[in-house]
Amino acid sequence: MSRDWTPEETRAASEAMKRAGQMSYEEVCAEVEAKEKIDRFASVQSKYHWPCPRCGKWSMNEKPSRNALSRRVNVYICDLCGSMEALEDLHGTPIGLRAWDIARHEEWPFS
């Protein structure tokens, strides 16, 4: 049976995760929140013309399928960001979803 963790247990687990080279508990929660926001955006992306959800620039083709499909989530991103994701994968240095423009700014729709 599961139980709620105390704040001390959560902090200790988070610190152990960071020492092991993993994301902390707080970082995992932020990543999940970013993924949820991006997923909500993906459901309406084809209905309107939007800036790139990854970089925030108005560099997207008006027809989403003419842009790059992200390697991280099922959403279209601009071609430059698509190339950046490929290079990040090549070097083993992908950025987290919480660093995407859509996740960092409240003025994006569907917060």
PDB file of N, CA and C in Angstrom:
ATOM      1  N   MET A   1       0.835  -1.157   0.000  1.00  0.00           N
ATOM      2  CA  MET A   1       0.000   0.000   0.000  1.00  0.00           C
ATOM      3  C   MET A   1       0.899   1.245   0.000  1.00  0.00           C
ATOM      4  N   SER A   2       0.498   2.265  -0.714  1.00  0.00           N
ATOM      5  CA  SER A   2       1.310   3.477  -0.766  1.00  0.00           C
ATOM      6  C   SER A   2       0.918   4.436   0.354  1.00  0.00           C
ATOM      7  N   ARG A   3       1.824   5.365   0.612  1.00  0.00           N
ATOM      8  CA  ARG A   3       1.572   6.378   1.631  1.00  0.00           C
ATOM      9  C   ARG A   3       2.192   7.677   1.169  1.00  0.00           C
ATOM     10  N   ASP A   4       1.781   8.771   1.783  1.00  0.00           N
ATOM     11  CA  ASP A   4       2.371  10.071   1.475  1.00  0.00           C
ATOM     12  C   ASP A   4       3.739  10.175   2.133  1.00  0.00           C
ATOM     13  N   TRP A   5       4.675  10.777   1.411  1.00  0.00           N
ATOM     14  CA  TRP A   5       6.005  10.991   1.970  1.00  0.00           C
ATOM     15  C   TRP A   5       6.002  12.267   2.799  1.00  0.00           C
ATOM     16  N   THR A   6       6.782  12.263   3.834  1.00  0.00           N
ATOM     17  CA  THR A   6       6.948  13.483   4.618  1.00  0.00           C
ATOM     18  C   THR A   6       7.859  14.428   3.831  1.00  0.00           C
ATOM     19  N   PRO A   7       7.830  15.723   4.146  1.00  0.00           N
ATOM     20  CA  PRO A   7       8.738  16.657   3.461  1.00  0.00           C
ATOM     21  C   PRO A   7      10.211  16.261   3.622  1.00  0.00           C
ATOM     22  N   GLU A   8      10.563  15.734   4.776  1.00  0.00           N
ATOM     23  CA  GLU A   8      11.955  15.327   5.010  1.00  0.00           C
ATOM     24  C   GLU A   8      12.326  14.140   4.115  1.00  0.00           C
ATOM     25  N   GLU A   9      11.412  13.183   3.975  1.00  0.00           N
ATOM     26  CA  GLU A   9      11.670  12.023   3.113  1.00  0.00           C
ATOM     27  C   GLU A   9      11.792  12.458   1.647  1.00  0.00           C
ATOM     28  N   THR A  10      10.932  13.358   1.232  1.00  0.00           N
ATOM     29  CA  THR A  10      10.974  13.847  -0.142  1.00  0.00           C
ATOM     30  C   THR A  10      12.287  14.576  -0.401  1.00  0.00           C
ATOM     31  N   ARG A  11      12.703  15.424   0.521  1.00  0.00           N
ATOM     32  CA  ARG A  11      13.963  16.161   0.376  1.00  0.00           C
ATOM     33  C   ARG A  11      15.151  15.203   0.323  1.00  0.00           C
ATOM     34  N   ALA A  12      15.164  14.195   1.195  1.00  0.00           N
ATOM     35  CA  ALA A  12      16.262  13.229   1.214  1.00  0.00           C
ATOM     36  C   ALA A  12      16.314  12.435  -0.092  1.00  0.00           C
ATOM     37  N   ALA A  13      15.151  12.022  -0.593  1.00  0.00           N
ATOM     38  CA  ALA A  13      15.117  11.284  -1.851  1.00  0.00           C
ATOM     39  C   ALA A  13      15.579  12.165  -3.010  1.00  0.00           C
ATOM     40  N   SER A  14      15.158  13.424  -2.999  1.00  0.00           N
ATOM     41  CA  SER A  14      15.548  14.360  -4.044  1.00  0.00           C
ATOM     42  C   SER A  14      17.065  14.560  -4.050  1.00  0.00           C
ATOM     43  N   GLU A  15      17.647  14.725  -2.877  1.00  0.00           N
ATOM     44  CA  GLU A  15      19.098  14.905  -2.776  1.00  0.00           C
ATOM     45  C   GLU A  15      19.840  13.655  -3.224  1.00  0.00           C
ATOM     46  N   ALA A  16      19.312  12.475  -2.890  1.00  0.00           N
ATOM     47  CA  ALA A  16      19.935  11.218  -3.316  1.00  0.00           C
ATOM     48  C   ALA A  16      19.870  11.085  -4.838  1.00  0.00           C
ATOM     49  N   MET A  17      18.769  11.496  -5.429  1.00  0.00           N
ATOM     50  CA  MET A  17      18.620  11.436  -6.881  1.00  0.00           C
ATOM     51  C   MET A  17      19.651  12.337  -7.557  1.00  0.00           C
ATOM     52  N   LYS A  18      19.843  13.542  -7.023  1.00  0.00           N
ATOM     53  CA  LYS A  18      20.817  14.478  -7.605  1.00  0.00           C
ATOM     54  C   LYS A  18      22.238  13.939  -7.462  1.00  0.00           C
ATOM     55  N   ARG A  19      22.554  13.352  -6.297  1.00  0.00           N
ATOM     56  CA  ARG A  19      23.895  12.784  -6.098  1.00  0.00           C
ATOM     57  C   ARG A  19      24.160  11.650  -7.082  1.00  0.00           C
ATOM     58  N   ALA A  20      23.116  10.940  -7.473  1.00  0.00           N
ATOM     59  CA  ALA A  20      23.252   9.818  -8.408  1.00  0.00           C
ATOM     60  C   ALA A  20      23.253  10.284  -9.872  1.00  0.00           C
ATOM     61  N   GLY A  21      23.220  11.606 -10.089  1.00  0.00           N
ATOM     62  CA  GLY A  21      23.253  12.133 -11.437  1.00  0.00           C
ATOM     63  C   GLY A  21      21.891  12.181 -12.113  1.00  0.00           C
ATOM     64  N   GLN A  22      20.838  12.005 -11.348  1.00  0.00           N
ATOM     65  CA  GLN A  22      19.477  12.037 -11.867  1.00  0.00           C
ATOM     66  C   GLN A  22      18.876  13.426 -11.633  1.00  0.00           C
ATOM     67  N   MET A  23      17.700  13.650 -12.211  1.00  0.00           N
ATOM     68  CA  MET A  23      16.967  14.874 -11.919  1.00  0.00           C
ATOM     69  C   MET A  23      16.434  14.780 -10.497  1.00  0.00           C
ATOM     70  N   SER A  24      16.334  15.901  -9.818  1.00  0.00           N
ATOM     71  CA  SER A  24      15.750  15.911  -8.481  1.00  0.00           C
ATOM     72  C   SER A  24      14.245  15.713  -8.592  1.00  0.00           C
ATOM     73  N   TYR A  25      13.608  15.452  -7.480  1.00  0.00           N
ATOM     74  CA  TYR A  25      12.156  15.290  -7.441  1.00  0.00           C
ATOM     75  C   TYR A  25      11.461  16.530  -8.002  1.00  0.00           C
ATOM     76  N   GLU A  26      11.943  17.699  -7.620  1.00  0.00           N
ATOM     77  CA  GLU A  26      11.358  18.952  -8.086  1.00  0.00           C
ATOM     78  C   GLU A  26      11.516  19.103  -9.602  1.00  0.00           C
ATOM     79  N   GLU A  27      12.682  18.705 -10.124  1.00  0.00           N
ATOM     80  CA  GLU A  27      12.916  18.786 -11.561  1.00  0.00           C
ATOM     81  C   GLU A  27      12.014  17.812 -12.322  1.00  0.00           C
ATOM     82  N   VAL A  28      11.814  16.630 -11.766  1.00  0.00           N
ATOM     83  CA  VAL A  28      10.914  15.650 -12.392  1.00  0.00           C
ATOM     84  C   VAL A  28       9.494  16.211 -12.435  1.00  0.00           C
ATOM     85  N   CYS A  29       9.045  16.807 -11.340  1.00  0.00           N
ATOM     86  CA  CYS A  29       7.699  17.404 -11.300  1.00  0.00           C
ATOM     87  C   CYS A  29       7.568  18.520 -12.342  1.00  0.00           C
ATOM     88  N   ALA A  30       8.593  19.360 -12.471  1.00  0.00           N
ATOM     89  CA  ALA A  30       8.570  20.448 -13.452  1.00  0.00           C
ATOM     90  C   ALA A  30       8.542  19.882 -14.869  1.00  0.00           C
ATOM     91  N   GLU A  31       9.259  18.794 -15.100  1.00  0.00           N
ATOM     92  CA  GLU A  31       9.277  18.161 -16.422  1.00  0.00           C
ATOM     93  C   GLU A  31       7.898  17.586 -16.765  1.00  0.00           C
ATOM     94  N   VAL A  32       7.249  16.970 -15.790  1.00  0.00           N
ATOM     95  CA  VAL A  32       5.906  16.421 -16.003  1.00  0.00           C
ATOM     96  C   VAL A  32       4.911  17.538 -16.299  1.00  0.00           C
ATOM     97  N   GLU A  33       4.984  18.638 -15.558  1.00  0.00           N
ATOM     98  CA  GLU A  33       4.096  19.782 -15.807  1.00  0.00           C
ATOM     99  C   GLU A  33       4.313  20.350 -17.207  1.00  0.00           C
ATOM    100  N   ALA A  34       5.574  20.439 -17.630  1.00  0.00           N
ATOM    101  CA  ALA A  34       5.870  20.948 -18.972  1.00  0.00           C
ATOM    102  C   ALA A  34       5.303  20.017 -20.035  1.00  0.00           C
ATOM    103  N   LYS A  35       5.461  18.717 -19.841  1.00  0.00           N
ATOM    104  CA  LYS A  35       4.929  17.739 -20.804  1.00  0.00           C
ATOM    105  C   LYS A  35       3.418  17.855 -20.906  1.00  0.00           C
ATOM    106  N   GLU A  36       2.748  18.002 -19.787  1.00  0.00           N
ATOM    107  CA  GLU A  36       1.288  18.132 -19.800  1.00  0.00           C
ATOM    108  C   GLU A  36       0.856  19.389 -20.559  1.00  0.00           C
ATOM    109  N   LYS A  37       1.567  20.493 -20.348  1.00  0.00           N
ATOM    110  CA  LYS A  37       1.234  21.741 -21.041  1.00  0.00           C
ATOM    111  C   LYS A  37       1.463  21.597 -22.542  1.00  0.00           C
ATOM    112  N   ILE A  38       2.559  20.965 -22.933  1.00  0.00           N
ATOM    113  CA  ILE A  38       2.856  20.763 -24.352  1.00  0.00           C
ATOM    114  C   ILE A  38       1.830  19.829 -24.979  1.00  0.00           C
ATOM    115  N   ASP A  39       1.422  18.797 -24.261  1.00  0.00           N
ATOM    116  CA  ASP A  39       0.392  17.886 -24.780  1.00  0.00           C
ATOM    117  C   ASP A  39      -0.932  18.608 -25.011  1.00  0.00           C
ATOM    118  N   ARG A  40      -1.311  19.508 -24.093  1.00  0.00           N
ATOM    119  CA  ARG A  40      -2.542  20.281 -24.287  1.00  0.00           C
ATOM    120  C   ARG A  40      -2.425  21.172 -25.528  1.00  0.00           C
ATOM    121  N   PHE A  41      -1.246  21.773 -25.697  1.00  0.00           N
ATOM    122  CA  PHE A  41      -1.011  22.612 -26.864  1.00  0.00           C
ATOM    123  C   PHE A  41      -1.077  21.788 -28.153  1.00  0.00           C
ATOM    124  N   ALA A  42      -0.513  20.592 -28.149  1.00  0.00           N
ATOM    125  CA  ALA A  42      -0.487  19.746 -29.348  1.00  0.00           C
ATOM    126  C   ALA A  42      -1.889  19.455 -29.864  1.00  0.00           C
ATOM    127  N   SER A  43      -2.856  19.381 -28.965  1.00  0.00           N
ATOM    128  CA  SER A  43      -4.224  19.053 -29.377  1.00  0.00           C
ATOM    129  C   SER A  43      -4.877  20.166 -30.193  1.00  0.00           C
ATOM    130  N   VAL A  44      -4.345  21.374 -30.132  1.00  0.00           N
ATOM    131  CA  VAL A  44      -4.917  22.493 -30.907  1.00  0.00           C
ATOM    132  C   VAL A  44      -3.904  23.135 -31.854  1.00  0.00           C
ATOM    133  N   GLN A  45      -2.717  22.592 -31.925  1.00  0.00           N
ATOM    134  CA  GLN A  45      -1.668  23.212 -32.735  1.00  0.00           C
ATOM    135  C   GLN A  45      -2.083  23.373 -34.192  1.00  0.00           C
ATOM    136  N   SER A  46      -2.794  22.432 -34.746  1.00  0.00           N
ATOM    137  CA  SER A  46      -3.143  22.499 -36.165  1.00  0.00           C
ATOM    138  C   SER A  46      -4.279  23.472 -36.467  1.00  0.00           C
ATOM    139  N   LYS A  47      -4.941  24.004 -35.446  1.00  0.00           N
ATOM    140  CA  LYS A  47      -6.092  24.883 -35.661  1.00  0.00           C
ATOM    141  C   LYS A  47      -5.716  26.337 -35.915  1.00  0.00           C
ATOM    142  N   TYR A  48      -4.536  26.754 -35.456  1.00  0.00           N
ATOM    143  CA  TYR A  48      -4.121  28.153 -35.564  1.00  0.00           C
ATOM    144  C   TYR A  48      -2.649  28.225 -35.939  1.00  0.00           C
ATOM    145  N   HIS A  49      -2.168  29.411 -36.273  1.00  0.00           N
ATOM    146  CA  HIS A  49      -0.743  29.621 -36.523  1.00  0.00           C
ATOM    147  C   HIS A  49      -0.097  30.087 -35.220  1.00  0.00           C
ATOM    148  N   TRP A  50       0.892  29.353 -34.761  1.00  0.00           N
ATOM    149  CA  TRP A  50       1.544  29.616 -33.468  1.00  0.00           C
ATOM    150  C   TRP A  50       3.042  29.828 -33.661  1.00  0.00           C
ATOM    151  N   PRO A  51       3.691  30.428 -32.682  1.00  0.00           N
ATOM    152  CA  PRO A  51       5.159  30.425 -32.702  1.00  0.00           C
ATOM    153  C   PRO A  51       5.651  29.020 -32.340  1.00  0.00           C
ATOM    154  N   CYS A  52       6.911  28.786 -32.539  1.00  0.00           N
ATOM    155  CA  CYS A  52       7.497  27.486 -32.192  1.00  0.00           C
ATOM    156  C   CYS A  52       7.396  27.289 -30.680  1.00  0.00           C
ATOM    157  N   PRO A  53       6.819  26.177 -30.218  1.00  0.00           N
ATOM    158  CA  PRO A  53       6.696  25.978 -28.772  1.00  0.00           C
ATOM    159  C   PRO A  53       8.036  25.748 -28.081  1.00  0.00           C
ATOM    160  N   ARG A  54       9.061  25.399 -28.839  1.00  0.00           N
ATOM    161  CA  ARG A  54      10.367  25.140 -28.228  1.00  0.00           C
ATOM    162  C   ARG A  54      11.181  26.419 -28.059  1.00  0.00           C
ATOM    163  N   CYS A  55      11.282  27.233 -29.140  1.00  0.00           N
ATOM    164  CA  CYS A  55      12.116  28.445 -29.059  1.00  0.00           C
ATOM    165  C   CYS A  55      11.295  29.725 -28.903  1.00  0.00           C
ATOM    166  N   GLY A  56      10.008  29.665 -29.239  1.00  0.00           N
ATOM    167  CA  GLY A  56       9.134  30.829 -29.104  1.00  0.00           C
ATOM    168  C   GLY A  56       9.166  31.795 -30.271  1.00  0.00           C
ATOM    169  N   LYS A  57       9.949  31.496 -31.312  1.00  0.00           N
ATOM    170  CA  LYS A  57      10.042  32.394 -32.461  1.00  0.00           C
ATOM    171  C   LYS A  57       8.926  32.096 -33.458  1.00  0.00           C
ATOM    172  N   TRP A  58       8.544  33.100 -34.197  1.00  0.00           N
ATOM    173  CA  TRP A  58       7.507  32.960 -35.225  1.00  0.00           C
ATOM    174  C   TRP A  58       8.146  32.425 -36.503  1.00  0.00           C
ATOM    175  N   SER A  59       8.782  31.288 -36.425  1.00  0.00           N
ATOM    176  CA  SER A  59       9.485  30.698 -37.567  1.00  0.00           C
ATOM    177  C   SER A  59       8.794  29.442 -38.084  1.00  0.00           C
ATOM    178  N   MET A  60       7.560  29.213 -37.634  1.00  0.00           N
ATOM    179  CA  MET A  60       6.819  28.014 -38.038  1.00  0.00           C
ATOM    180  C   MET A  60       6.091  28.260 -39.361  1.00  0.00           C
ATOM    181  N   ASN A  61       6.051  27.248 -40.191  1.00  0.00           N
ATOM    182  CA  ASN A  61       5.213  27.286 -41.377  1.00  0.00           C
ATOM    183  C   ASN A  61       3.767  27.224 -40.905  1.00  0.00           C
ATOM    184  N   GLU A  62       2.860  27.900 -41.582  1.00  0.00           N
ATOM    185  CA  GLU A  62       1.465  27.930 -41.138  1.00  0.00           C
ATOM    186  C   GLU A  62       0.825  26.549 -41.135  1.00  0.00           C
ATOM    187  N   LYS A  63       1.296  25.655 -41.972  1.00  0.00           N
ATOM    188  CA  LYS A  63       0.798  24.284 -41.985  1.00  0.00           C
ATOM    189  C   LYS A  63       1.730  23.454 -41.095  1.00  0.00           C
ATOM    190  N   PRO A  64       1.276  23.047 -39.897  1.00  0.00           N
ATOM    191  CA  PRO A  64       2.166  22.382 -38.951  1.00  0.00           C
ATOM    192  C   PRO A  64       2.954  21.202 -39.520  1.00  0.00           C
ATOM    193  N   SER A  65       2.344  20.397 -40.387  1.00  0.00           N
ATOM    194  CA  SER A  65       3.036  19.214 -40.905  1.00  0.00           C
ATOM    195  C   SER A  65       4.225  19.552 -41.809  1.00  0.00           C
ATOM    196  N   ARG A  66       4.394  20.825 -42.165  1.00  0.00           N
ATOM    197  CA  ARG A  66       5.557  21.241 -42.945  1.00  0.00           C
ATOM    198  C   ARG A  66       6.726  21.648 -42.052  1.00  0.00           C
ATOM    199  N   ASN A  67       6.554  21.488 -40.766  1.00  0.00           N
ATOM    200  CA  ASN A  67       7.603  21.786 -39.795  1.00  0.00           C
ATOM    201  C   ASN A  67       8.211  20.474 -39.308  1.00  0.00           C
ATOM    202  N   ALA A  68       9.157  20.562 -38.408  1.00  0.00           N
ATOM    203  CA  ALA A  68       9.794  19.372 -37.848  1.00  0.00           C
ATOM    204  C   ALA A  68       8.927  18.803 -36.717  1.00  0.00           C
ATOM    205  N   LEU A  69       8.846  17.496 -36.668  1.00  0.00           N
ATOM    206  CA  LEU A  69       8.164  16.834 -35.560  1.00  0.00           C
ATOM    207  C   LEU A  69       9.193  16.612 -34.460  1.00  0.00           C
ATOM    208  N   SER A  70       8.891  17.068 -33.270  1.00  0.00           N
ATOM    209  CA  SER A  70       9.830  16.942 -32.154  1.00  0.00           C
ATOM    210  C   SER A  70      10.170  15.481 -31.887  1.00  0.00           C
ATOM    211  N   ARG A  71      11.395  15.243 -31.463  1.00  0.00           N
ATOM    212  CA  ARG A  71      11.827  13.914 -31.054  1.00  0.00           C
ATOM    213  C   ARG A  71      11.431  13.622 -29.609  1.00  0.00           C
ATOM    214  N   ARG A  72      10.996  14.650 -28.889  1.00  0.00           N
ATOM    215  CA  ARG A  72      10.704  14.507 -27.462  1.00  0.00           C
ATOM    216  C   ARG A  72       9.218  14.270 -27.170  1.00  0.00           C
ATOM    217  N   VAL A  73       8.358  14.998 -27.884  1.00  0.00           N
ATOM    218  CA  VAL A  73       6.911  14.907 -27.681  1.00  0.00           C
ATOM    219  C   VAL A  73       6.237  14.994 -29.047  1.00  0.00           C
ATOM    220  N   ASN A  74       4.990  14.635 -29.113  1.00  0.00           N
ATOM    221  CA  ASN A  74       4.267  14.613 -30.379  1.00  0.00           C
ATOM    222  C   ASN A  74       3.706  16.002 -30.695  1.00  0.00           C
ATOM    223  N   VAL A  75       4.610  16.913 -31.075  1.00  0.00           N
ATOM    224  CA  VAL A  75       4.243  18.289 -31.409  1.00  0.00           C
ATOM    225  C   VAL A  75       5.221  18.783 -32.472  1.00  0.00           C
ATOM    226  N   TYR A  76       4.752  19.687 -33.319  1.00  0.00           N
ATOM    227  CA  TYR A  76       5.618  20.258 -34.349  1.00  0.00           C
ATOM    228  C   TYR A  76       6.401  21.438 -33.790  1.00  0.00           C
ATOM    229  N   ILE A  77       7.649  21.536 -34.229  1.00  0.00           N
ATOM    230  CA  ILE A  77       8.546  22.623 -33.840  1.00  0.00           C
ATOM    231  C   ILE A  77       9.169  23.178 -35.122  1.00  0.00           C
ATOM    232  N   CYS A  78       9.807  24.318 -35.039  1.00  0.00           N
ATOM    233  CA  CYS A  78      10.416  24.896 -36.237  1.00  0.00           C
ATOM    234  C   CYS A  78      11.591  24.018 -36.701  1.00  0.00           C
ATOM    235  N   ASP A  79      11.973  24.206 -37.952  1.00  0.00           N
ATOM    236  CA  ASP A  79      13.042  23.384 -38.530  1.00  0.00           C
ATOM    237  C   ASP A  79      14.366  23.529 -37.782  1.00  0.00           C
ATOM    238  N   LEU A  80      14.678  24.752 -37.350  1.00  0.00           N
ATOM    239  CA  LEU A  80      15.926  24.959 -36.621  1.00  0.00           C
ATOM    240  C   LEU A  80      15.916  24.174 -35.302  1.00  0.00           C
ATOM    241  N   CYS A  81      14.796  24.212 -34.589  1.00  0.00           N
ATOM    242  CA  CYS A  81      14.699  23.448 -33.338  1.00  0.00           C
ATOM    243  C   CYS A  81      14.752  21.944 -33.604  1.00  0.00           C
ATOM    244  N   GLY A  82      14.180  21.523 -34.736  1.00  0.00           N
ATOM    245  CA  GLY A  82      14.274  20.113 -35.106  1.00  0.00           C
ATOM    246  C   GLY A  82      15.718  19.700 -35.317  1.00  0.00           C
ATOM    247  N   SER A  83      16.489  20.561 -35.974  1.00  0.00           N
ATOM    248  CA  SER A  83      17.919  20.284 -36.173  1.00  0.00           C
ATOM    249  C   SER A  83      18.661  20.287 -34.844  1.00  0.00           C
ATOM    250  N   MET A  84      18.291  21.228 -33.957  1.00  0.00           N
ATOM    251  CA  MET A  84      18.936  21.287 -32.636  1.00  0.00           C
ATOM    252  C   MET A  84      18.678  20.006 -31.848  1.00  0.00           C
ATOM    253  N   GLU A  85      17.443  19.487 -31.904  1.00  0.00           N
ATOM    254  CA  GLU A  85      17.141  18.237 -31.200  1.00  0.00           C
ATOM    255  C   GLU A  85      17.993  17.091 -31.740  1.00  0.00           C
ATOM    256  N   ALA A  86      18.175  17.044 -33.053  1.00  0.00           N
ATOM    257  CA  ALA A  86      18.998  15.996 -33.647  1.00  0.00           C
ATOM    258  C   ALA A  86      20.448  16.102 -33.161  1.00  0.00           C
ATOM    259  N   LEU A  87      20.976  17.333 -33.123  1.00  0.00           N
ATOM    260  CA  LEU A  87      22.345  17.531 -32.645  1.00  0.00           C
ATOM    261  C   LEU A  87      22.475  17.203 -31.157  1.00  0.00           C
ATOM    262  N   GLU A  88      21.463  17.579 -30.374  1.00  0.00           N
ATOM    263  CA  GLU A  88      21.493  17.253 -28.944  1.00  0.00           C
ATOM    264  C   GLU A  88      21.528  15.742 -28.737  1.00  0.00           C
ATOM    265  N   ASP A  89      20.738  15.015 -29.529  1.00  0.00           N
ATOM    266  CA  ASP A  89      20.740  13.561 -29.424  1.00  0.00           C
ATOM    267  C   ASP A  89      22.085  12.974 -29.836  1.00  0.00           C
ATOM    268  N   LEU A  90      22.672  13.532 -30.879  1.00  0.00           N
ATOM    269  CA  LEU A  90      23.974  13.072 -31.347  1.00  0.00           C
ATOM    270  C   LEU A  90      25.028  13.203 -30.246  1.00  0.00           C
ATOM    271  N   HIS A  91      24.971  14.321 -29.517  1.00  0.00           N
ATOM    272  CA  HIS A  91      25.955  14.584 -28.459  1.00  0.00           C
ATOM    273  C   HIS A  91      25.516  14.087 -27.088  1.00  0.00           C
ATOM    274  N   GLY A  92      24.299  13.568 -26.997  1.00  0.00           N
ATOM    275  CA  GLY A  92      23.801  13.060 -25.716  1.00  0.00           C
ATOM    276  C   GLY A  92      23.498  14.153 -24.713  1.00  0.00           C
ATOM    277  N   THR A  93      23.074  15.331 -25.211  1.00  0.00           N
ATOM    278  CA  THR A  93      22.805  16.464 -24.328  1.00  0.00           C
ATOM    279  C   THR A  93      21.430  17.076 -24.572  1.00  0.00           C
ATOM    280  N   PRO A  94      20.365  16.281 -24.535  1.00  0.00           N
ATOM    281  CA  PRO A  94      19.041  16.862 -24.788  1.00  0.00           C
ATOM    282  C   PRO A  94      18.622  17.813 -23.675  1.00  0.00           C
ATOM    283  N   ILE A  95      17.929  18.891 -24.076  1.00  0.00           N
ATOM    284  CA  ILE A  95      17.407  19.807 -23.058  1.00  0.00           C
ATOM    285  C   ILE A  95      16.061  19.262 -22.589  1.00  0.00           C
ATOM    286  N   GLY A  96      15.698  19.549 -21.379  1.00  0.00           N
ATOM    287  CA  GLY A  96      14.423  19.103 -20.851  1.00  0.00           C
ATOM    288  C   GLY A  96      13.268  19.929 -21.386  1.00  0.00           C
ATOM    289  N   LEU A  97      12.080  19.369 -21.305  1.00  0.00           N
ATOM    290  CA  LEU A  97      10.890  20.066 -21.774  1.00  0.00           C
ATOM    291  C   LEU A  97      10.626  21.338 -20.981  1.00  0.00           C
ATOM    292  N   ARG A  98      11.069  21.375 -19.749  1.00  0.00           N
ATOM    293  CA  ARG A  98      10.821  22.564 -18.924  1.00  0.00           C
ATOM    294  C   ARG A  98      11.612  23.767 -19.417  1.00  0.00           C
ATOM    295  N   ALA A  99      12.586  23.550 -20.298  1.00  0.00           N
ATOM    296  CA  ALA A  99      13.353  24.656 -20.880  1.00  0.00           C
ATOM    297  C   ALA A  99      12.701  25.205 -22.141  1.00  0.00           C
ATOM    298  N   TRP A 100      11.671  24.538 -22.634  1.00  0.00           N
ATOM    299  CA  TRP A 100      10.977  25.016 -23.830  1.00  0.00           C
ATOM    300  C   TRP A 100      10.287  26.334 -23.518  1.00  0.00           C
ATOM    301  N   ASP A 101      10.154  27.189 -24.519  1.00  0.00           N
ATOM    302  CA  ASP A 101       9.509  28.494 -24.350  1.00  0.00           C
ATOM    303  C   ASP A 101       8.074  28.347 -23.838  1.00  0.00           C
ATOM    304  N   ILE A 102       7.338  27.399 -24.362  1.00  0.00           N
ATOM    305  CA  ILE A 102       5.947  27.207 -23.951  1.00  0.00           C
ATOM    306  C   ILE A 102       5.843  26.859 -22.464  1.00  0.00           C
ATOM    307  N   ALA A 103       6.827  26.165 -21.931  1.00  0.00           N
ATOM    308  CA  ALA A 103       6.795  25.760 -20.521  1.00  0.00           C
ATOM    309  C   ALA A 103       7.279  26.872 -19.586  1.00  0.00           C
ATOM    310  N   ARG A 104       8.099  27.771 -20.087  1.00  0.00           N
ATOM    311  CA  ARG A 104       8.683  28.817 -19.246  1.00  0.00           C
ATOM    312  C   ARG A 104       7.834  30.065 -19.126  1.00  0.00           C
ATOM    313  N   HIS A 105       6.835  30.220 -19.997  1.00  0.00           N
ATOM    314  CA  HIS A 105       6.056  31.454 -20.005  1.00  0.00           C
ATOM    315  C   HIS A 105       4.588  31.195 -19.768  1.00  0.00           C
ATOM    316  N   GLU A 106       4.027  31.902 -18.848  1.00  0.00           N
ATOM    317  CA  GLU A 106       2.609  31.762 -18.510  1.00  0.00           C
ATOM    318  C   GLU A 106       1.693  32.297 -19.594  1.00  0.00           C
ATOM    319  N   GLU A 107       2.177  33.229 -20.429  1.00  0.00           N
ATOM    320  CA  GLU A 107       1.285  33.814 -21.422  1.00  0.00           C
ATOM    321  C   GLU A 107       0.975  32.855 -22.579  1.00  0.00           C
ATOM    322  N   TRP A 108       1.689  31.733 -22.640  1.00  0.00           N
ATOM    323  CA  TRP A 108       1.299  30.724 -23.622  1.00  0.00           C
ATOM    324  C   TRP A 108      -0.087  30.216 -23.243  1.00  0.00           C
ATOM    325  N   PRO A 109      -0.889  29.869 -24.238  1.00  0.00           N
ATOM    326  CA  PRO A 109      -2.243  29.366 -23.940  1.00  0.00           C
ATOM    327  C   PRO A 109      -2.203  28.035 -23.216  1.00  0.00           C
ATOM    328  N   PHE A 110      -3.270  27.712 -22.571  1.00  0.00           N
ATOM    329  CA  PHE A 110      -3.488  26.428 -21.913  1.00  0.00           C
ATOM    330  C   PHE A 110      -2.560  26.191 -20.748  1.00  0.00           C
ATOM    331  N   SER A 111      -2.235  27.220 -19.994  1.00  0.00           N
ATOM    332  CA  SER A 111      -1.358  27.101 -18.822  1.00  0.00           C
ATOM    333  C   SER A 111      -1.964  26.198 -17.785  1.00  0.00           C
TER     334      SER A 111
END
